[in-house]
Amino acid sequence: MKTHLIALATAAAAMVAAPVAANAAGNRSAAPVDGEQALRGGSNIIIALLAIAAVVAGIILIADDEPTSP
């Protein structure tokens, strides 16, 4: 059951990471920014990492193997 859980978590992480990696591979140059807009550049990676952590945590909580009653 543990290998199934690991495989499922890996597949979920790959599905979340694929669009982020494809977006990062583009050869687009950024427009010059000023002020507070310059601070928003790295938020996409943080959001992606939080989404991956939430998916993995949800899978682990759902796939708990302990019985609820003795």
Protein backbone atom coordinates (compact mmCIF):
# COMPACT_ATOMS: atom_id res chain seq x y z
CA MET A 1 0.00 0.00 0.00
CA LYS A 2 2.92 2.34 0.69
CA THR A 3 4.24 2.01 -2.87
CA HIS A 4 0.78 2.80 -4.21
CA LEU A 5 0.67 5.92 -2.04
CA ILE A 6 4.13 7.03 -3.16
CA ALA A 7 3.24 6.45 -6.81
CA LEU A 8 0.02 8.42 -6.44
CA ALA A 9 1.78 11.30 -4.71
CA THR A 10 4.50 11.37 -7.37
CA ALA A 11 1.92 11.41 -10.17
CA ALA A 12 0.01 14.24 -8.51
CA ALA A 13 3.20 16.26 -8.05
CA ALA A 14 4.16 15.69 -11.68
CA MET A 15 0.75 16.87 -12.88
CA VAL A 16 1.06 20.04 -10.83
CA ALA A 17 4.71 20.72 -11.75
CA ALA A 18 4.42 20.14 -15.52
CA PRO A 19 2.66 23.43 -16.41
CA VAL A 20 5.00 25.39 -14.12
CA ALA A 21 8.07 23.87 -15.80
CA ALA A 22 6.63 24.48 -19.27
CA ASN A 23 5.92 28.09 -18.40
CA ALA A 24 9.44 28.60 -17.04
CA ALA A 25 11.04 27.16 -20.20
CA GLY A 26 9.69 29.95 -22.43
CA ASN A 27 12.13 32.46 -23.92
CA ARG A 28 10.10 35.53 -23.13
CA SER A 29 11.79 38.59 -21.73
CA ALA A 30 10.18 40.51 -18.92
CA ALA A 31 9.07 44.08 -19.33
CA PRO A 32 10.70 46.63 -17.05
CA VAL A 33 8.70 47.24 -13.87
CA ASP A 34 8.88 49.75 -11.08
CA GLY A 35 7.51 50.08 -7.58
CA GLU A 36 5.56 47.31 -5.91
CA GLN A 37 5.07 45.29 -9.11
CA ALA A 38 8.71 44.23 -8.94
CA LEU A 39 7.97 42.30 -5.72
CA ARG A 40 5.36 40.02 -7.33
CA GLY A 41 7.73 38.13 -9.67
CA GLY A 42 8.41 35.00 -7.58
CA SER A 43 4.92 34.35 -6.25
CA ASN A 44 4.05 31.75 -8.91
CA ILE A 45 6.66 29.33 -7.63
CA ILE A 46 5.48 29.78 -4.04
CA ILE A 47 1.88 29.13 -5.07
CA ALA A 48 2.93 26.02 -7.02
CA LEU A 49 4.89 24.64 -4.05
CA LEU A 50 1.95 25.26 -1.72
CA ALA A 51 -0.38 23.50 -4.16
CA ILE A 52 1.95 20.49 -4.35
CA ALA A 53 2.16 20.36 -0.55
CA ALA A 54 -1.63 20.53 -0.26
CA VAL A 55 -2.14 17.72 -2.78
CA VAL A 56 0.40 15.47 -1.07
CA ALA A 57 -1.04 16.21 2.39
CA GLY A 58 -4.55 15.44 1.13
CA ILE A 59 -3.43 12.13 -0.35
CA ILE A 60 -1.68 11.16 2.88
CA LEU A 61 -4.73 12.04 4.98
CA ILE A 62 -7.12 10.16 2.70
CA ALA A 63 -4.92 7.07 2.45
CA ASP A 64 -4.50 6.60 6.21
CA ASP A 65 -4.30 2.84 6.91
CA GLU A 66 -5.09 2.90 10.62
CA PRO A 67 -8.53 1.57 11.59
CA THR A 68 -10.79 4.03 13.37
CA SER A 69 -12.21 1.49 15.80
CA PRO A 70 -10.24 -1.07 17.84
